[in-house]
C-alpha atoms as a PDB file:
ATOM      1  CA  MET A   1     -58.783 -63.214 -33.566  1.00  0.00           C
ATOM      2  CA  ILE A   2     -60.448 -65.024 -30.829  1.00  0.00           C
ATOM      3  CA  ILE A   3     -62.465 -68.637 -30.609  1.00  0.00           C
ATOM      4  CA  VAL A   4     -64.811 -68.648 -27.674  1.00  0.00           C
ATOM      5  CA  LEU A   5     -65.858 -72.356 -26.214  1.00  0.00           C
ATOM      6  CA  LYS A   6     -68.822 -73.254 -24.767  1.00  0.00           C
ATOM      7  CA  ALA A   7     -69.185 -74.373 -21.197  1.00  0.00           C
ATOM      8  CA  ASN A   8     -69.608 -77.857 -21.877  1.00  0.00           C
ATOM      9  CA  ALA A   9     -66.888 -77.906 -24.388  1.00  0.00           C
ATOM     10  CA  SER A  10     -64.694 -80.935 -24.278  1.00  0.00           C
ATOM     11  CA  LYS A  11     -60.974 -81.342 -23.564  1.00  0.00           C
ATOM     12  CA  GLU A  12     -60.947 -83.500 -27.202  1.00  0.00           C
ATOM     13  CA  ASP A  13     -63.333 -80.775 -28.559  1.00  0.00           C
ATOM     14  CA  LYS A  14     -60.174 -78.146 -27.763  1.00  0.00           C
ATOM     15  CA  GLN A  15     -57.646 -80.149 -28.926  1.00  0.00           C
ATOM     16  CA  ARG A  16     -59.202 -81.053 -32.241  1.00  0.00           C
ATOM     17  CA  ILE A  17     -59.212 -76.955 -32.792  1.00  0.00           C
ATOM     18  CA  ILE A  18     -55.586 -76.219 -30.966  1.00  0.00           C
ATOM     19  CA  ASP A  19     -54.500 -78.831 -33.649  1.00  0.00           C
ATOM     20  CA  LYS A  20     -56.561 -77.439 -36.947  1.00  0.00           C
ATOM     21  CA  VAL A  21     -54.525 -74.143 -35.867  1.00  0.00           C
ATOM     22  CA  HIS A  22     -51.358 -75.581 -35.255  1.00  0.00           C
ATOM     23  CA  SER A  23     -51.488 -76.929 -38.663  1.00  0.00           C
ATOM     24  CA  LEU A  24     -51.587 -73.905 -40.571  1.00  0.00           C
ATOM     25  CA  GLY A  25     -48.466 -72.304 -38.978  1.00  0.00           C
ATOM     26  CA  LEU A  26     -50.381 -70.322 -36.243  1.00  0.00           C
ATOM     27  CA  GLN A  27     -49.490 -70.440 -32.538  1.00  0.00           C
ATOM     28  CA  THR A  28     -52.267 -70.672 -30.131  1.00  0.00           C
ATOM     29  CA  MET A  29     -52.639 -68.947 -26.413  1.00  0.00           C
ATOM     30  CA  VAL A  30     -55.815 -71.099 -24.035  1.00  0.00           C
ATOM     31  CA  SER A  31     -57.322 -68.155 -21.502  1.00  0.00           C
ATOM     32  CA  ALA A  32     -59.058 -70.243 -19.403  1.00  0.00           C
ATOM     33  CA  GLY A  33     -62.027 -68.165 -17.509  1.00  0.00           C
ATOM     34  CA  VAL A  34     -64.794 -68.994 -15.184  1.00  0.00           C
ATOM     35  CA  GLU A  35     -67.409 -70.370 -17.424  1.00  0.00           C
ATOM     36  CA  ARG A  36     -65.475 -71.153 -20.528  1.00  0.00           C
ATOM     37  CA  SER A  37     -61.943 -71.516 -22.199  1.00  0.00           C
ATOM     38  CA  ILE A  38     -60.940 -68.915 -25.283  1.00  0.00           C
ATOM     39  CA  ILE A  39     -58.476 -69.617 -27.865  1.00  0.00           C
ATOM     40  CA  GLY A  40     -56.690 -66.696 -29.283  1.00  0.00           C
ATOM     41  CA  VAL A  41     -54.844 -67.026 -32.434  1.00  0.00           C
ATOM     42  CA  ILE A  42     -51.591 -65.765 -33.367  1.00  0.00           C
ATOM     43  CA  GLY A  43     -49.929 -65.150 -36.821  1.00  0.00           C
ATOM     44  CA  GLU A  44     -51.018 -64.600 -39.912  1.00  0.00           C
ATOM     45  CA  GLU A  45     -54.822 -64.377 -39.649  1.00  0.00           C
ATOM     46  CA  ASP A  46     -55.706 -64.690 -43.418  1.00  0.00           C
ATOM     47  CA  LYS A  47     -55.329 -68.166 -42.971  1.00  0.00           C
ATOM     48  CA  ILE A  48     -58.041 -68.943 -40.890  1.00  0.00           C
ATOM     49  CA  ARG A  49     -60.342 -66.657 -41.326  1.00  0.00           C
ATOM     50  CA  VAL A  50     -61.171 -69.350 -44.427  1.00  0.00           C
ATOM     51  CA  GLN A  51     -61.831 -72.042 -42.059  1.00  0.00           C
ATOM     52  CA  PRO A  52     -65.166 -72.846 -41.032  1.00  0.00           C
ATOM     53  CA  LEU A  53     -64.417 -72.383 -36.933  1.00  0.00           C
ATOM     54  CA  GLU A  54     -67.423 -72.401 -36.099  1.00  0.00           C
ATOM     55  CA  ALA A  55     -69.187 -75.223 -37.288  1.00  0.00           C
ATOM     56  CA  TYR A  56     -66.158 -77.270 -34.670  1.00  0.00           C
ATOM     57  CA  PRO A  57     -67.542 -79.012 -32.171  1.00  0.00           C
ATOM     58  CA  GLY A  58     -67.566 -77.124 -28.202  1.00  0.00           C
ATOM     59  CA  VAL A  59     -67.042 -73.661 -30.539  1.00  0.00           C
ATOM     60  CA  GLU A  60     -69.920 -70.624 -29.522  1.00  0.00           C
ATOM     61  CA  HIS A  61     -68.568 -68.033 -32.104  1.00  0.00           C
ATOM     62  CA  VAL A  62     -65.445 -66.374 -33.485  1.00  0.00           C
ATOM     63  CA  ILE A  63     -64.253 -62.825 -32.486  1.00  0.00           C
ATOM     64  CA  GLU A  64     -62.069 -61.172 -35.160  1.00  0.00           C
ATOM     65  CA  VAL A  65     -59.579 -58.947 -32.481  1.00  0.00           C
ATOM     66  CA  LEU A  66     -59.522 -55.178 -33.776  1.00  0.00           C
ATOM     67  CA  SER A  67     -57.256 -54.320 -31.499  1.00  0.00           C
ATOM     68  CA  PRO A  68     -53.518 -54.470 -32.541  1.00  0.00           C
ATOM     69  CA  PHE A  69     -52.131 -55.788 -28.943  1.00  0.00           C
ATOM     70  CA  LYS A  70     -54.342 -59.400 -29.033  1.00  0.00           C
ATOM     71  CA  LEU A  71     -53.307 -61.392 -25.885  1.00  0.00           C
ATOM     72  CA  VAL A  72     -52.470 -57.965 -23.550  1.00  0.00           C
ATOM     73  CA  SER A  73     -56.501 -56.797 -24.412  1.00  0.00           C
ATOM     74  CA  ARG A  74     -59.782 -57.947 -22.699  1.00  0.00           C
ATOM     75  CA  GLU A  75     -61.596 -59.266 -25.413  1.00  0.00           C
ATOM     76  CA  PHE A  76     -59.369 -62.137 -24.984  1.00  0.00           C
ATOM     77  CA  LYS A  77     -59.750 -62.079 -21.106  1.00  0.00           C
ATOM     78  CA  PRO A  78     -62.501 -59.988 -19.712  1.00  0.00           C
ATOM     79  CA  GLU A  79     -62.055 -60.965 -16.490  1.00  0.00           C
ATOM     80  CA  SER A  80     -58.420 -59.157 -14.434  1.00  0.00           C
ATOM     81  CA  SER A  81     -55.418 -60.649 -14.344  1.00  0.00           C
ATOM     82  CA  ASN A  82     -54.354 -61.480 -10.509  1.00  0.00           C
ATOM     83  CA  ILE A  83     -50.561 -62.007 -10.919  1.00  0.00           C
ATOM     84  CA  LYS A  84     -49.154 -64.094  -7.643  1.00  0.00           C
ATOM     85  CA  ILE A  85     -45.838 -64.513  -7.047  1.00  0.00           C
ATOM     86  CA  LYS A  86     -45.036 -66.408  -3.747  1.00  0.00           C
ATOM     87  CA  ASP A  87     -47.995 -65.018  -1.031  1.00  0.00           C
ATOM     88  CA  VAL A  88     -47.956 -61.877  -3.194  1.00  0.00           C
ATOM     89  CA  THR A  89     -51.190 -61.147  -5.419  1.00  0.00           C
ATOM     90  CA  ILE A  90     -50.798 -58.362  -7.893  1.00  0.00           C
ATOM     91  CA  GLY A  91     -53.498 -56.983  -9.647  1.00  0.00           C
ATOM     92  CA  GLY A  92     -56.536 -58.211  -6.571  1.00  0.00           C
ATOM     93  CA  GLU A  93     -58.472 -56.285  -3.829  1.00  0.00           C
ATOM     94  CA  LYS A  94     -55.023 -55.008  -1.774  1.00  0.00           C
ATOM     95  CA  ILE A  95     -52.804 -52.873  -2.988  1.00  0.00           C
ATOM     96  CA  VAL A  96     -49.396 -53.789  -3.271  1.00  0.00           C
ATOM     97  CA  ILE A  97     -46.747 -51.090  -2.632  1.00  0.00           C
ATOM     98  CA  MET A  98     -43.071 -51.798  -3.969  1.00  0.00           C
ATOM     99  CA  GLY A  99     -39.859 -49.792  -1.792  1.00  0.00           C
ATOM    100  CA  GLY A 100     -36.450 -49.349  -1.971  1.00  0.00           C
ATOM    101  CA  PRO A 101     -33.537 -47.287  -3.172  1.00  0.00           C
ATOM    102  CA  CYS A 102     -33.117 -46.225  -6.876  1.00  0.00           C
ATOM    103  CA  ALA A 103     -29.504 -48.330  -6.678  1.00  0.00           C
ATOM    104  CA  ILE A 104     -28.457 -51.309  -4.111  1.00  0.00           C
ATOM    105  CA  GLU A 105     -25.200 -49.446  -2.570  1.00  0.00           C
ATOM    106  CA  ASN A 106     -24.308 -51.999   0.021  1.00  0.00           C
ATOM    107  CA  LEU A 107     -25.045 -54.547   2.254  1.00  0.00           C
ATOM    108  CA  GLU A 108     -25.629 -52.948   5.679  1.00  0.00           C
ATOM    109  CA  THR A 109     -27.957 -49.956   3.576  1.00  0.00           C
ATOM    110  CA  LEU A 110     -29.748 -52.060   2.133  1.00  0.00           C
ATOM    111  CA  ARG A 111     -30.401 -53.962   4.923  1.00  0.00           C
ATOM    112  CA  GLU A 112     -31.343 -51.005   6.697  1.00  0.00           C
ATOM    113  CA  ILE A 113     -34.099 -49.727   4.372  1.00  0.00           C
ATOM    114  CA  ALA A 114     -35.743 -53.133   3.993  1.00  0.00           C
ATOM    115  CA  LEU A 115     -36.222 -53.599   7.667  1.00  0.00           C
ATOM    116  CA  LYS A 116     -37.936 -49.801   7.144  1.00  0.00           C
ATOM    117  CA  VAL A 117     -40.079 -51.145   4.321  1.00  0.00           C
ATOM    118  CA  LYS A 118     -40.915 -54.320   5.565  1.00  0.00           C
ATOM    119  CA  GLU A 119     -42.221 -51.729   8.876  1.00  0.00           C
ATOM    120  CA  SER A 120     -43.938 -49.781   7.005  1.00  0.00           C
ATOM    121  CA  GLY A 121     -46.473 -52.260   5.123  1.00  0.00           C
ATOM    122  CA  ALA A 122     -44.915 -52.983   2.036  1.00  0.00           C
ATOM    123  CA  THR A 123     -44.268 -55.983   0.555  1.00  0.00           C
ATOM    124  CA  VAL A 124     -41.629 -56.059  -2.388  1.00  0.00           C
ATOM    125  CA  LEU A 125     -38.146 -54.362  -2.212  1.00  0.00           C
ATOM    126  CA  ARG A 126     -36.335 -52.382  -4.984  1.00  0.00           C
ATOM    127  CA  GLY A 127     -33.243 -51.322  -6.027  1.00  0.00           C
ATOM    128  CA  GLY A 128     -31.433 -51.174  -8.805  1.00  0.00           C
ATOM    129  CA  ALA A 129     -27.880 -54.112  -9.881  1.00  0.00           C
ATOM    130  CA  PHE A 130     -27.824 -52.306 -13.717  1.00  0.00           C
ATOM    131  CA  LYS A 131     -28.665 -48.457 -13.841  1.00  0.00           C
ATOM    132  CA  PRO A 132     -29.177 -47.914 -17.107  1.00  0.00           C
ATOM    133  CA  ARG A 133     -28.079 -44.114 -16.985  1.00  0.00           C
ATOM    134  CA  THR A 134     -28.314 -40.973 -19.392  1.00  0.00           C
ATOM    135  CA  SER A 135     -24.534 -40.274 -18.147  1.00  0.00           C
ATOM    136  CA  PRO A 136     -22.029 -42.875 -18.617  1.00  0.00           C
ATOM    137  CA  TYR A 137     -20.002 -41.427 -15.926  1.00  0.00           C
ATOM    138  CA  SER A 138     -22.774 -41.712 -13.326  1.00  0.00           C
ATOM    139  CA  PHE A 139     -22.875 -44.280 -10.889  1.00  0.00           C
ATOM    140  CA  GLN A 140     -23.824 -47.777 -13.246  1.00  0.00           C
ATOM    141  CA  GLY A 141     -24.703 -49.948 -10.168  1.00  0.00           C
ATOM    142  CA  LEU A 142     -23.287 -53.265  -8.704  1.00  0.00           C
ATOM    143  CA  GLY A 143     -24.000 -55.316 -10.983  1.00  0.00           C
ATOM    144  CA  VAL A 144     -24.187 -59.736 -10.104  1.00  0.00           C
ATOM    145  CA  GLU A 145     -22.627 -58.592  -6.612  1.00  0.00           C
ATOM    146  CA  GLY A 146     -25.546 -55.916  -6.526  1.00  0.00           C
ATOM    147  CA  LEU A 147     -27.953 -58.728  -7.054  1.00  0.00           C
ATOM    148  CA  LYS A 148     -26.219 -61.070  -4.845  1.00  0.00           C
ATOM    149  CA  ILE A 149     -26.898 -58.439  -1.770  1.00  0.00           C
ATOM    150  CA  MET A 150     -30.622 -58.192  -2.487  1.00  0.00           C
ATOM    151  CA  LYS A 151     -31.008 -61.591  -2.177  1.00  0.00           C
ATOM    152  CA  GLN A 152     -29.541 -61.848   0.470  1.00  0.00           C
ATOM    153  CA  VAL A 153     -31.475 -59.051   2.034  1.00  0.00           C
ATOM    154  CA  CYS A 154     -34.638 -60.289   1.125  1.00  0.00           C
ATOM    155  CA  ASP A 155     -34.090 -63.651   1.621  1.00  0.00           C
ATOM    156  CA  GLU A 156     -33.220 -62.017   5.632  1.00  0.00           C
ATOM    157  CA  VAL A 157     -36.407 -59.486   6.003  1.00  0.00           C
ATOM    158  CA  GLY A 158     -38.781 -61.702   4.107  1.00  0.00           C
ATOM    159  CA  LEU A 159     -39.799 -59.392   1.083  1.00  0.00           C
ATOM    160  CA  LEU A 160     -39.517 -59.837  -2.682  1.00  0.00           C
ATOM    161  CA  SER A 161     -37.381 -58.440  -5.064  1.00  0.00           C
ATOM    162  CA  VAL A 162     -37.842 -56.290  -7.729  1.00  0.00           C
ATOM    163  CA  THR A 163     -34.666 -55.014  -9.779  1.00  0.00           C
ATOM    164  CA  GLU A 164     -34.059 -54.241 -13.289  1.00  0.00           C
ATOM    165  CA  VAL A 165     -32.997 -56.373 -16.231  1.00  0.00           C
ATOM    166  CA  ILE A 166     -31.386 -54.191 -19.214  1.00  0.00           C
ATOM    167  CA  ASP A 167     -29.397 -57.148 -21.701  1.00  0.00           C
ATOM    168  CA  PRO A 168     -31.031 -60.478 -23.069  1.00  0.00           C
ATOM    169  CA  ARG A 169     -28.058 -62.394 -21.690  1.00  0.00           C
ATOM    170  CA  ASP A 170     -28.629 -61.848 -18.329  1.00  0.00           C
ATOM    171  CA  VAL A 171     -32.309 -62.538 -18.008  1.00  0.00           C
ATOM    172  CA  GLU A 172     -31.465 -66.144 -16.984  1.00  0.00           C
ATOM    173  CA  LEU A 173     -28.649 -64.783 -14.105  1.00  0.00           C
ATOM    174  CA  MET A 174     -31.679 -62.590 -13.086  1.00  0.00           C
ATOM    175  CA  ALA A 175     -33.841 -65.684 -12.722  1.00  0.00           C
ATOM    176  CA  GLU A 176     -31.628 -66.812 -10.134  1.00  0.00           C
ATOM    177  CA  TYR A 177     -31.724 -64.276  -7.651  1.00  0.00           C
ATOM    178  CA  VAL A 178     -34.587 -62.154  -8.184  1.00  0.00           C
ATOM    179  CA  ASP A 179     -38.457 -62.156  -7.852  1.00  0.00           C
ATOM    180  CA  ILE A 180     -39.075 -59.570 -10.709  1.00  0.00           C
ATOM    181  CA  MET A 181     -37.700 -58.649 -13.237  1.00  0.00           C
ATOM    182  CA  GLN A 182     -38.012 -54.705 -14.067  1.00  0.00           C
ATOM    183  CA  VAL A 183     -37.917 -53.400 -18.111  1.00  0.00           C
ATOM    184  CA  GLY A 184     -36.826 -49.908 -17.400  1.00  0.00           C
ATOM    185  CA  ALA A 185     -38.788 -47.021 -19.453  1.00  0.00           C
ATOM    186  CA  ARG A 186     -35.756 -46.588 -21.460  1.00  0.00           C
ATOM    187  CA  ASN A 187     -35.858 -50.425 -23.037  1.00  0.00           C
ATOM    188  CA  MET A 188     -39.854 -50.550 -23.002  1.00  0.00           C
ATOM    189  CA  GLN A 189     -39.179 -51.002 -26.932  1.00  0.00           C
ATOM    190  CA  ASN A 190     -36.332 -53.709 -26.472  1.00  0.00           C
ATOM    191  CA  PHE A 191     -37.633 -56.314 -28.804  1.00  0.00           C
ATOM    192  CA  ASN A 192     -34.954 -58.983 -27.769  1.00  0.00           C
ATOM    193  CA  LEU A 193     -35.390 -58.121 -24.257  1.00  0.00           C
ATOM    194  CA  LEU A 194     -38.845 -58.916 -24.100  1.00  0.00           C
ATOM    195  CA  LYS A 195     -38.530 -62.025 -26.258  1.00  0.00           C
ATOM    196  CA  GLU A 196     -35.923 -63.644 -23.874  1.00  0.00           C
ATOM    197  CA  ILE A 197     -37.982 -62.487 -21.025  1.00  0.00           C
ATOM    198  CA  GLY A 198     -41.383 -63.612 -22.320  1.00  0.00           C
ATOM    199  CA  ARG A 199     -39.513 -66.908 -22.390  1.00  0.00           C
ATOM    200  CA  SER A 200     -38.202 -67.399 -18.916  1.00  0.00           C
ATOM    201  CA  LYS A 201     -41.988 -67.061 -17.992  1.00  0.00           C
ATOM    202  CA  ARG A 202     -40.428 -64.997 -14.916  1.00  0.00           C
ATOM    203  CA  PRO A 203     -42.916 -61.625 -13.315  1.00  0.00           C
ATOM    204  CA  VAL A 204     -41.851 -58.874 -15.208  1.00  0.00           C
ATOM    205  CA  LEU A 205     -42.177 -55.577 -14.071  1.00  0.00           C
ATOM    206  CA  LEU A 206     -42.780 -52.920 -17.750  1.00  0.00           C
ATOM    207  CA  LYS A 207     -42.823 -49.467 -17.509  1.00  0.00           C
ATOM    208  CA  ARG A 208     -43.501 -47.413 -19.602  1.00  0.00           C
ATOM    209  CA  GLY A 209     -41.223 -45.584 -22.483  1.00  0.00           C
ATOM    210  CA  MET A 210     -40.995 -41.877 -21.299  1.00  0.00           C
ATOM    211  CA  MET A 211     -42.518 -41.116 -25.241  1.00  0.00           C
ATOM    212  CA  ALA A 212     -44.781 -44.488 -25.532  1.00  0.00           C
ATOM    213  CA  THR A 213     -48.344 -44.028 -26.240  1.00  0.00           C
ATOM    214  CA  ILE A 214     -50.810 -46.358 -24.477  1.00  0.00           C
ATOM    215  CA  LYS A 215     -51.464 -48.859 -27.482  1.00  0.00           C
ATOM    216  CA  GLU A 216     -47.391 -48.714 -27.521  1.00  0.00           C
ATOM    217  CA  PHE A 217     -46.590 -49.847 -23.987  1.00  0.00           C
ATOM    218  CA  LEU A 218     -49.331 -52.169 -24.091  1.00  0.00           C
ATOM    219  CA  MET A 219     -47.530 -53.939 -27.928  1.00  0.00           C
ATOM    220  CA  SER A 220     -44.156 -54.130 -25.942  1.00  0.00           C
ATOM    221  CA  ALA A 221     -46.260 -56.183 -23.035  1.00  0.00           C
ATOM    222  CA  GLU A 222     -47.765 -58.440 -26.350  1.00  0.00           C
ATOM    223  CA  TYR A 223     -44.282 -59.538 -27.178  1.00  0.00           C
ATOM    224  CA  ILE A 224     -43.879 -60.746 -23.525  1.00  0.00           C
ATOM    225  CA  LEU A 225     -47.455 -62.473 -23.656  1.00  0.00           C
ATOM    226  CA  SER A 226     -46.574 -63.453 -26.896  1.00  0.00           C
ATOM    227  CA  GLU A 227     -43.707 -65.394 -25.920  1.00  0.00           C
ATOM    228  CA  GLY A 228     -46.184 -67.520 -23.901  1.00  0.00           C
ATOM    229  CA  ASN A 229     -45.613 -65.358 -20.500  1.00  0.00           C
ATOM    230  CA  PHE A 230     -48.851 -63.888 -18.707  1.00  0.00           C
ATOM    231  CA  ASN A 231     -47.108 -62.980 -15.535  1.00  0.00           C
ATOM    232  CA  VAL A 232     -46.545 -59.725 -17.080  1.00  0.00           C
ATOM    233  CA  ILE A 233     -46.932 -56.218 -14.594  1.00  0.00           C
ATOM    234  CA  LEU A 234     -47.360 -52.932 -16.055  1.00  0.00           C
ATOM    235  CA  CYS A 235     -46.176 -49.388 -15.159  1.00  0.00           C
ATOM    236  CA  GLU A 236     -46.571 -45.833 -15.576  1.00  0.00           C
ATOM    237  CA  ARG A 237     -44.110 -43.875 -14.761  1.00  0.00           C
ATOM    238  CA  GLY A 238     -44.395 -40.968 -16.602  1.00  0.00           C
ATOM    239  CA  ILE A 239     -43.711 -39.509 -19.944  1.00  0.00           C
ATOM    240  CA  ARG A 240     -41.713 -36.423 -21.279  1.00  0.00           C
ATOM    241  CA  THR A 241     -43.538 -33.047 -22.008  1.00  0.00           C
ATOM    242  CA  PHE A 242     -42.742 -29.496 -22.499  1.00  0.00           C
ATOM    243  CA  GLU A 243     -43.193 -28.876 -18.409  1.00  0.00           C
ATOM    244  CA  THR A 244     -39.468 -28.647 -17.424  1.00  0.00           C
ATOM    245  CA  TYR A 245     -40.903 -28.176 -12.926  1.00  0.00           C
ATOM    246  CA  THR A 246     -41.332 -32.154 -12.907  1.00  0.00           C
ATOM    247  CA  ARG A 247     -38.912 -34.879 -14.109  1.00  0.00           C
ATOM    248  CA  ASN A 248     -41.923 -36.208 -16.111  1.00  0.00           C
ATOM    249  CA  THR A 249     -45.493 -36.442 -16.440  1.00  0.00           C
ATOM    250  CA  PHE A 250     -47.021 -38.632 -14.479  1.00  0.00           C
ATOM    251  CA  ASP A 251     -50.323 -39.504 -16.844  1.00  0.00           C
ATOM    252  CA  ILE A 252     -52.927 -40.464 -14.580  1.00  0.00           C
ATOM    253  CA  ASN A 253     -55.149 -41.127 -17.550  1.00  0.00           C
ATOM    254  CA  ALA A 254     -52.513 -44.471 -18.483  1.00  0.00           C
ATOM    255  CA  VAL A 255     -54.318 -45.629 -15.348  1.00  0.00           C
ATOM    256  CA  PRO A 256     -58.388 -46.376 -16.160  1.00  0.00           C
ATOM    257  CA  ALA A 257     -57.273 -46.765 -19.766  1.00  0.00           C
ATOM    258  CA  ILE A 258     -54.989 -49.759 -19.507  1.00  0.00           C
ATOM    259  CA  LYS A 259     -58.120 -51.044 -16.957  1.00  0.00           C
ATOM    260  CA  ILE A 260     -60.635 -50.768 -19.797  1.00  0.00           C
ATOM    261  CA  LEU A 261     -58.526 -51.518 -22.556  1.00  0.00           C
ATOM    262  CA  SER A 262     -56.254 -54.468 -21.071  1.00  0.00           C
ATOM    263  CA  HIS A 263     -56.523 -57.638 -18.160  1.00  0.00           C
ATOM    264  CA  LEU A 264     -53.193 -56.953 -17.100  1.00  0.00           C
ATOM    265  CA  PRO A 265     -52.656 -55.673 -13.430  1.00  0.00           C
ATOM    266  CA  ILE A 266     -50.843 -52.096 -13.432  1.00  0.00           C
ATOM    267  CA  VAL A 267     -49.124 -50.266 -10.417  1.00  0.00           C
ATOM    268  CA  VAL A 268     -47.380 -46.803 -10.735  1.00  0.00           C
ATOM    269  CA  ASP A 269     -44.197 -45.581 -10.145  1.00  0.00           C
ATOM    270  CA  PRO A 270     -44.216 -41.495  -8.828  1.00  0.00           C
ATOM    271  CA  SER A 271     -40.959 -41.416  -8.315  1.00  0.00           C
ATOM    272  CA  HIS A 272     -39.813 -41.382 -11.157  1.00  0.00           C
ATOM    273  CA  ALA A 273     -43.036 -39.747 -12.331  1.00  0.00           C
ATOM    274  CA  THR A 274     -42.314 -36.243 -10.616  1.00  0.00           C
ATOM    275  CA  GLY A 275     -38.529 -36.550  -9.635  1.00  0.00           C
ATOM    276  CA  LYS A 276     -39.264 -34.532  -6.210  1.00  0.00           C
ATOM    277  CA  TRP A 277     -40.192 -36.153  -2.721  1.00  0.00           C
ATOM    278  CA  GLY A 278     -42.767 -34.007  -2.071  1.00  0.00           C
ATOM    279  CA  LEU A 279     -45.071 -34.587  -5.270  1.00  0.00           C
ATOM    280  CA  VAL A 280     -45.317 -38.615  -4.794  1.00  0.00           C
ATOM    281  CA  THR A 281     -47.390 -38.911  -2.137  1.00  0.00           C
ATOM    282  CA  PRO A 282     -49.876 -36.960  -3.455  1.00  0.00           C
ATOM    283  CA  ILE A 283     -49.119 -38.181  -6.743  1.00  0.00           C
ATOM    284  CA  SER A 284     -49.346 -41.757  -5.043  1.00  0.00           C
ATOM    285  CA  ARG A 285     -53.206 -40.790  -3.966  1.00  0.00           C
ATOM    286  CA  ALA A 286     -54.570 -39.978  -6.973  1.00  0.00           C
ATOM    287  CA  ALA A 287     -52.930 -43.227  -8.627  1.00  0.00           C
ATOM    288  CA  ILE A 288     -54.856 -45.310  -6.422  1.00  0.00           C
ATOM    289  CA  ALA A 289     -58.049 -43.389  -6.569  1.00  0.00           C
ATOM    290  CA  ALA A 290     -57.471 -43.958 -10.278  1.00  0.00           C
ATOM    291  CA  GLY A 291     -57.169 -47.777  -9.707  1.00  0.00           C
ATOM    292  CA  ALA A 292     -53.689 -48.400  -9.667  1.00  0.00           C
ATOM    293  CA  ASP A 293     -52.915 -51.989  -8.225  1.00  0.00           C
ATOM    294  CA  GLY A 294     -49.853 -51.219  -6.418  1.00  0.00           C
ATOM    295  CA  LEU A 295     -47.395 -48.244  -6.054  1.00  0.00           C
ATOM    296  CA  ILE A 296     -43.023 -48.816  -6.733  1.00  0.00           C
ATOM    297  CA  VAL A 297     -41.943 -45.758  -4.183  1.00  0.00           C
ATOM    298  CA  GLU A 298     -37.771 -44.388  -4.297  1.00  0.00           C
ATOM    299  CA  MET A 299     -36.820 -44.803  -0.311  1.00  0.00           C
ATOM    300  CA  HIS A 300     -34.117 -44.196   1.329  1.00  0.00           C
ATOM    301  CA  VAL A 301     -32.729 -44.167   5.221  1.00  0.00           C
ATOM    302  CA  HIS A 302     -30.624 -41.653   3.854  1.00  0.00           C
ATOM    303  CA  PRO A 303     -31.691 -39.682   0.752  1.00  0.00           C
ATOM    304  CA  GLU A 304     -29.314 -36.666   1.253  1.00  0.00           C
ATOM    305  CA  GLU A 305     -26.277 -39.532   0.636  1.00  0.00           C
ATOM    306  CA  ALA A 306     -27.928 -41.509  -2.029  1.00  0.00           C
ATOM    307  CA  LEU A 307     -26.119 -42.919  -4.937  1.00  0.00           C
ATOM    308  CA  SER A 308     -28.407 -41.949  -6.977  1.00  0.00           C
ATOM    309  CA  ASP A 309     -31.962 -40.359  -7.187  1.00  0.00           C
ATOM    310  CA  GLY A 310     -31.547 -38.907  -3.920  1.00  0.00           C
ATOM    311  CA  THR A 311     -34.160 -35.682  -4.445  1.00  0.00           C
ATOM    312  CA  GLN A 312     -37.256 -38.308  -5.832  1.00  0.00           C
ATOM    313  CA  SER A 313     -35.824 -40.884  -2.271  1.00  0.00           C
ATOM    314  CA  LEU A 314     -38.596 -40.704   0.447  1.00  0.00           C
ATOM    315  CA  ASN A 315     -37.225 -40.675   3.988  1.00  0.00           C
ATOM    316  CA  PRO A 316     -38.621 -43.801   6.224  1.00  0.00           C
ATOM    317  CA  GLU A 317     -40.896 -41.551   8.114  1.00  0.00           C
ATOM    318  CA  ASN A 318     -42.330 -39.752   4.861  1.00  0.00           C
ATOM    319  CA  PHE A 319     -42.488 -43.129   3.115  1.00  0.00           C
ATOM    320  CA  GLU A 320     -44.358 -45.066   6.644  1.00  0.00           C
ATOM    321  CA  ALA A 321     -46.792 -41.501   5.750  1.00  0.00           C
ATOM    322  CA  MET A 322     -47.463 -41.896   2.409  1.00  0.00           C
ATOM    323  CA  ILE A 323     -48.446 -45.560   2.951  1.00  0.00           C
ATOM    324  CA  LYS A 324     -51.101 -44.272   5.827  1.00  0.00           C
ATOM    325  CA  GLN A 325     -52.416 -42.025   3.233  1.00  0.00           C
ATOM    326  CA  VAL A 326     -52.743 -44.117   0.540  1.00  0.00           C
ATOM    327  CA  GLY A 327     -54.504 -46.804   2.725  1.00  0.00           C
ATOM    328  CA  ALA A 328     -57.213 -44.014   3.754  1.00  0.00           C
ATOM    329  CA  VAL A 329     -57.930 -43.314   0.401  1.00  0.00           C
ATOM    330  CA  ALA A 330     -57.665 -47.412  -0.775  1.00  0.00           C
ATOM    331  CA  GLN A 331     -60.241 -47.953   1.885  1.00  0.00           C
ATOM    332  CA  ALA A 332     -62.421 -45.195   0.127  1.00  0.00           C
ATOM    333  CA  VAL A 333     -62.587 -46.971  -3.089  1.00  0.00           C
ATOM    334  CA  GLY A 334     -63.235 -50.715  -1.897  1.00  0.00           C
ATOM    335  CA  ARG A 335     -59.483 -51.501  -1.797  1.00  0.00           C
ATOM    336  CA  THR A 336     -57.387 -52.251   0.829  1.00  0.00           C
ATOM    337  CA  ILE A 337     -53.339 -52.275   1.528  1.00  0.00           C
END
């Protein structure tokens, strides 16, 4: 349920409504819009449906939210959300590029990659410290040492950082080292992890599960927002279909669909969507044309020597060329890079 307040509603009017909702054992989330504020009601709404809310001073009207995802929906927040992290805004006119290796390998290599990433125009360095792999014998990441390396490199070079968190117990630790915590496809429905990240209030990049519907994807985001964390960036990274030529099937429909359904920004991971470096640039162009707010791309100075996902990683030259091509598409659709 959404309670829309009048443009001239006072602070006292707003607080009176919030207190009433809380007295019924329900939660509230307030969205301050350009012209008026909206109060979202979370919980067993049957308790409040019988209340004469529209009779309260300051209330313009009450809306029943039909979609199962309440706080994520455009019904709750009609304006698109922009996630500001230091001097980078995700969701605005400017397309944000995130680049880096699948896995953090060592300090020297990550520093070299970071310098190339920044020179090309990207503003966020990606790299995995904890790697959930399909095979238990594959490289699992450097762990805490990897986090320390990423923080050192990002501080030196001047980039934001994004890396994956896989355990609720690591959320507090991760918050000390990285700017954006990533929830990977395998953990999209790890609800304990989502709740813990929600309580942290830290920016999070939530990837779509490989077999998740758009509704299930947005419901996972709802878990985070319901804990009070609205700093959520969605990420389409391909879904599993019967096709075997590519690693996954890039669902380009998801980008404009999510823009219609939700106010949250969405970026695209063309590396995991395709699994082939030669397809990364074409898919990146398509994603920006479809309305994506950014890209998260795997790049390595020596993809043939990468400890993880070398076949889908761009080298520095191809990464720079990709950004230039994406920039041309961005300009064509009225955005910048």
